[in-house]
Each structure stands twice: as structure tokens, then as C-alpha cells.
Amino acid sequence: MVQKTISLTPETYKRLKTKKKPDESFSELVDRLLDFKKDLNNKRIFKSFAGVLEEDDEWDEIEKILENARQIPRKSLNTLNLEK
């Protein structure tokens, strides 16, 4: 296998090292990070989250909040000052 040498700043090396799994080479790490970026760009990664809150009580509460918010007239929403 052909190998290439790349230069990294010490800061970049430290950041990469914190992301590296114990049994992973730096080449494998870079491949994994590039694949993750590609998945984000293609939105494939989001499909893995489909249904995660389906049987969750927290999701039921979120749905109630959203439904209640939909009932509030837009003019009233402006007076709630939701920005922090």
C-alpha cells in the first residue's frame, strides 16, 4: 500500500486524536470523518433518527406543546418574547 505523509498543526493533531477510537488508525479516522461529512451532505444520516421518539413520553409532551402553540394566534406569539 502506498502511504502519503501530511503535515498537521499540533492543535489539529490533538483535535483528531480526541476523535480517534482506541483501535482505529488515523487513516481510518479520516475516512470515518469524511464519510460522516458525506452522509450529512446527502442527509442519509438523518434517516437513522427516524422513529427514535416514537414510543417516548418526552415526544408526547413535545407534540402537546406544538399543538398548543399552533392554537395561539400569530399576533399573540409576537408578544410572548420567546427570544433569549
N, C-alpha and C. Protein backbone atom coordinates (compact mmCIF):
# COMPACT_ATOMS: atom_id res chain seq x y z
N MET A 1 0.84 -1.17 0.00
CA MET A 1 0.00 0.00 0.00
C MET A 1 0.89 1.24 0.00
N VAL A 2 0.53 2.20 -0.83
CA VAL A 2 1.25 3.46 -0.90
C VAL A 2 0.81 4.33 0.27
N GLN A 3 1.78 4.98 0.90
CA GLN A 3 1.46 5.88 2.01
C GLN A 3 1.88 7.29 1.65
N LYS A 4 1.14 8.24 2.15
CA LYS A 4 1.44 9.66 1.96
C LYS A 4 1.62 10.30 3.33
N THR A 5 2.52 11.25 3.39
CA THR A 5 2.75 11.98 4.63
C THR A 5 2.07 13.34 4.51
N ILE A 6 1.35 13.70 5.56
CA ILE A 6 0.72 15.02 5.59
C ILE A 6 1.20 15.74 6.84
N SER A 7 1.17 17.05 6.79
CA SER A 7 1.56 17.86 7.94
C SER A 7 0.32 18.43 8.61
N LEU A 8 0.31 18.36 9.92
CA LEU A 8 -0.78 18.92 10.70
C LEU A 8 -0.21 19.84 11.76
N THR A 9 -0.96 20.87 12.09
CA THR A 9 -0.54 21.69 13.22
C THR A 9 -0.73 20.86 14.49
N PRO A 10 -0.02 21.18 15.54
CA PRO A 10 -0.20 20.45 16.80
C PRO A 10 -1.65 20.50 17.30
N GLU A 11 -2.30 21.63 17.10
CA GLU A 11 -3.70 21.77 17.54
C GLU A 11 -4.61 20.82 16.77
N THR A 12 -4.40 20.74 15.45
CA THR A 12 -5.22 19.86 14.62
C THR A 12 -4.97 18.40 14.99
N TYR A 13 -3.72 18.06 15.22
CA TYR A 13 -3.37 16.69 15.63
C TYR A 13 -4.09 16.33 16.94
N LYS A 14 -4.07 17.23 17.91
CA LYS A 14 -4.73 16.98 19.20
C LYS A 14 -6.24 16.79 19.00
N ARG A 15 -6.84 17.63 18.15
CA ARG A 15 -8.28 17.51 17.89
C ARG A 15 -8.61 16.17 17.24
N LEU A 16 -7.81 15.77 16.27
CA LEU A 16 -8.03 14.48 15.62
C LEU A 16 -7.84 13.33 16.60
N LYS A 17 -6.83 13.43 17.43
CA LYS A 17 -6.53 12.36 18.39
C LYS A 17 -7.68 12.15 19.36
N THR A 18 -8.39 13.23 19.73
CA THR A 18 -9.52 13.09 20.64
C THR A 18 -10.70 12.38 19.99
N LYS A 19 -10.77 12.42 18.66
CA LYS A 19 -11.87 11.77 17.92
C LYS A 19 -11.56 10.32 17.56
N LYS A 20 -10.30 9.94 17.69
CA LYS A 20 -9.86 8.62 17.26
C LYS A 20 -10.26 7.55 18.28
N LYS A 21 -10.82 6.45 17.76
CA LYS A 21 -11.17 5.31 18.62
C LYS A 21 -9.89 4.56 18.97
N PRO A 22 -9.86 3.87 20.11
CA PRO A 22 -8.63 3.20 20.54
C PRO A 22 -8.05 2.22 19.51
N ASP A 23 -8.90 1.51 18.80
CA ASP A 23 -8.42 0.51 17.84
C ASP A 23 -8.40 1.02 16.40
N GLU A 24 -8.42 2.33 16.24
CA GLU A 24 -8.54 2.94 14.92
C GLU A 24 -7.23 3.63 14.52
N SER A 25 -6.83 3.46 13.28
CA SER A 25 -5.67 4.19 12.77
C SER A 25 -6.11 5.61 12.39
N PHE A 26 -5.16 6.49 12.19
CA PHE A 26 -5.51 7.84 11.77
C PHE A 26 -6.13 7.84 10.38
N SER A 27 -5.69 6.94 9.52
CA SER A 27 -6.30 6.83 8.18
C SER A 27 -7.77 6.43 8.30
N GLU A 28 -8.04 5.46 9.16
CA GLU A 28 -9.43 5.03 9.37
C GLU A 28 -10.26 6.16 9.97
N LEU A 29 -9.67 6.93 10.87
CA LEU A 29 -10.36 8.07 11.46
C LEU A 29 -10.73 9.09 10.39
N VAL A 30 -9.77 9.44 9.55
CA VAL A 30 -10.04 10.43 8.49
C VAL A 30 -11.12 9.90 7.55
N ASP A 31 -11.05 8.62 7.19
CA ASP A 31 -12.09 8.03 6.34
C ASP A 31 -13.45 8.12 7.01
N ARG A 32 -13.51 7.80 8.30
CA ARG A 32 -14.78 7.84 9.02
C ARG A 32 -15.34 9.25 9.06
N LEU A 33 -14.50 10.23 9.34
CA LEU A 33 -14.95 11.62 9.40
C LEU A 33 -15.40 12.12 8.03
N LEU A 34 -14.70 11.73 6.99
CA LEU A 34 -15.10 12.12 5.63
C LEU A 34 -16.41 11.45 5.24
N ASP A 35 -16.58 10.19 5.61
CA ASP A 35 -17.84 9.50 5.32
C ASP A 35 -18.99 10.15 6.08
N PHE A 36 -18.74 10.53 7.33
CA PHE A 36 -19.78 11.20 8.13
C PHE A 36 -20.18 12.51 7.47
N LYS A 37 -19.21 13.28 7.02
CA LYS A 37 -19.48 14.55 6.34
C LYS A 37 -20.30 14.29 5.07
N LYS A 38 -19.92 13.26 4.32
CA LYS A 38 -20.64 12.91 3.09
C LYS A 38 -22.08 12.53 3.42
N ASP A 39 -22.27 11.74 4.49
CA ASP A 39 -23.62 11.34 4.89
C ASP A 39 -24.45 12.56 5.29
N LEU A 40 -23.84 13.51 5.99
CA LEU A 40 -24.56 14.72 6.36
C LEU A 40 -24.98 15.49 5.12
N ASN A 41 -24.07 15.59 4.16
CA ASN A 41 -24.39 16.31 2.92
C ASN A 41 -25.50 15.62 2.15
N ASN A 42 -25.54 14.31 2.21
CA ASN A 42 -26.57 13.55 1.49
C ASN A 42 -27.80 13.30 2.34
N LYS A 43 -27.78 13.74 3.57
CA LYS A 43 -28.91 13.62 4.50
C LYS A 43 -29.24 12.17 4.84
N ARG A 44 -28.36 11.23 4.51
CA ARG A 44 -28.61 9.83 4.86
C ARG A 44 -28.57 9.62 6.37
N ILE A 45 -27.71 10.36 7.03
CA ILE A 45 -27.52 10.18 8.47
C ILE A 45 -28.82 10.44 9.23
N PHE A 46 -29.66 11.34 8.72
CA PHE A 46 -30.88 11.70 9.43
C PHE A 46 -31.91 10.58 9.40
N LYS A 47 -31.82 9.71 8.42
CA LYS A 47 -32.74 8.58 8.35
C LYS A 47 -32.56 7.65 9.55
N SER A 48 -31.37 7.61 10.12
CA SER A 48 -31.13 6.74 11.26
C SER A 48 -31.87 7.22 12.51
N PHE A 49 -32.33 8.47 12.50
CA PHE A 49 -33.07 9.01 13.64
C PHE A 49 -34.57 8.83 13.50
N ALA A 50 -35.01 8.36 12.37
CA ALA A 50 -36.44 8.22 12.13
C ALA A 50 -37.06 7.28 13.15
N GLY A 51 -38.07 7.78 13.86
CA GLY A 51 -38.80 6.96 14.81
C GLY A 51 -38.19 6.83 16.19
N VAL A 52 -37.07 7.49 16.47
CA VAL A 52 -36.43 7.31 17.77
C VAL A 52 -37.28 7.82 18.93
N LEU A 53 -38.15 8.79 18.69
CA LEU A 53 -39.00 9.32 19.75
C LEU A 53 -40.43 8.78 19.66
N GLU A 54 -40.65 7.84 18.78
CA GLU A 54 -42.00 7.35 18.53
C GLU A 54 -42.68 6.81 19.78
N GLU A 55 -41.97 6.08 20.59
CA GLU A 55 -42.55 5.48 21.80
C GLU A 55 -42.04 6.18 23.06
N ASP A 56 -41.77 7.44 22.95
CA ASP A 56 -41.16 8.18 24.04
C ASP A 56 -42.16 9.16 24.65
N ASP A 57 -42.27 9.17 25.98
CA ASP A 57 -43.16 10.11 26.67
C ASP A 57 -42.75 11.55 26.41
N GLU A 58 -41.44 11.77 26.28
CA GLU A 58 -40.96 13.12 26.01
C GLU A 58 -41.52 13.64 24.69
N TRP A 59 -41.59 12.76 23.69
CA TRP A 59 -42.12 13.18 22.39
C TRP A 59 -43.60 13.54 22.52
N ASP A 60 -44.33 12.78 23.35
CA ASP A 60 -45.75 13.11 23.57
C ASP A 60 -45.88 14.52 24.13
N GLU A 61 -45.00 14.88 25.04
CA GLU A 61 -45.02 16.23 25.62
C GLU A 61 -44.68 17.29 24.58
N ILE A 62 -43.71 16.99 23.73
CA ILE A 62 -43.34 17.92 22.66
C ILE A 62 -44.51 18.13 21.71
N GLU A 63 -45.19 17.05 21.36
CA GLU A 63 -46.36 17.16 20.48
C GLU A 63 -47.44 18.04 21.10
N LYS A 64 -47.68 17.89 22.41
CA LYS A 64 -48.68 18.71 23.09
C LYS A 64 -48.30 20.19 23.04
N ILE A 65 -47.03 20.47 23.29
CA ILE A 65 -46.55 21.86 23.26
C ILE A 65 -46.73 22.45 21.87
N LEU A 66 -46.36 21.68 20.85
CA LEU A 66 -46.50 22.16 19.47
C LEU A 66 -47.96 22.37 19.10
N GLU A 67 -48.83 21.46 19.50
CA GLU A 67 -50.25 21.60 19.20
C GLU A 67 -50.82 22.83 19.89
N ASN A 68 -50.44 23.06 21.14
CA ASN A 68 -50.90 24.25 21.85
C ASN A 68 -50.38 25.52 21.19
N ALA A 69 -49.15 25.49 20.73
CA ALA A 69 -48.56 26.66 20.08
C ALA A 69 -49.28 26.99 18.78
N ARG A 70 -49.74 25.95 18.09
CA ARG A 70 -50.47 26.17 16.84
C ARG A 70 -51.81 26.87 17.08
N GLN A 71 -52.34 26.76 18.27
CA GLN A 71 -53.64 27.35 18.59
C GLN A 71 -53.53 28.84 18.93
N ILE A 72 -52.31 29.31 19.22
CA ILE A 72 -52.11 30.70 19.60
C ILE A 72 -52.09 31.55 18.33
N PRO A 73 -52.90 32.60 18.26
CA PRO A 73 -52.86 33.48 17.09
C PRO A 73 -51.48 34.11 16.92
N ARG A 74 -51.08 34.32 15.69
CA ARG A 74 -49.75 34.87 15.41
C ARG A 74 -49.48 36.19 16.13
N LYS A 75 -50.48 37.04 16.21
CA LYS A 75 -50.29 38.32 16.89
C LYS A 75 -49.90 38.10 18.34
N SER A 76 -50.48 37.10 18.99
CA SER A 76 -50.15 36.81 20.38
C SER A 76 -48.75 36.26 20.52
N LEU A 77 -48.30 35.47 19.54
CA LEU A 77 -46.94 34.91 19.59
C LEU A 77 -45.90 36.01 19.64
N ASN A 78 -46.13 37.09 18.93
CA ASN A 78 -45.16 38.19 18.92
C ASN A 78 -45.00 38.81 20.29
N THR A 79 -46.00 38.74 21.13
CA THR A 79 -45.94 39.35 22.47
C THR A 79 -45.33 38.41 23.51
N LEU A 80 -45.07 37.14 23.15
CA LEU A 80 -44.52 36.20 24.11
C LEU A 80 -43.04 36.41 24.37
N ASN A 81 -42.34 37.11 23.48
CA ASN A 81 -40.91 37.37 23.64
C ASN A 81 -40.15 36.06 23.88
N LEU A 82 -40.18 35.16 22.92
CA LEU A 82 -39.54 33.84 23.04
C LEU A 82 -38.03 33.88 22.84
N GLU A 83 -37.50 34.95 22.32
CA GLU A 83 -36.06 35.04 22.09
C GLU A 83 -35.36 35.24 23.42
N LYS A 84 -34.17 34.60 23.52
CA LYS A 84 -33.38 34.72 24.76
C LYS A 84 -32.07 35.37 24.49
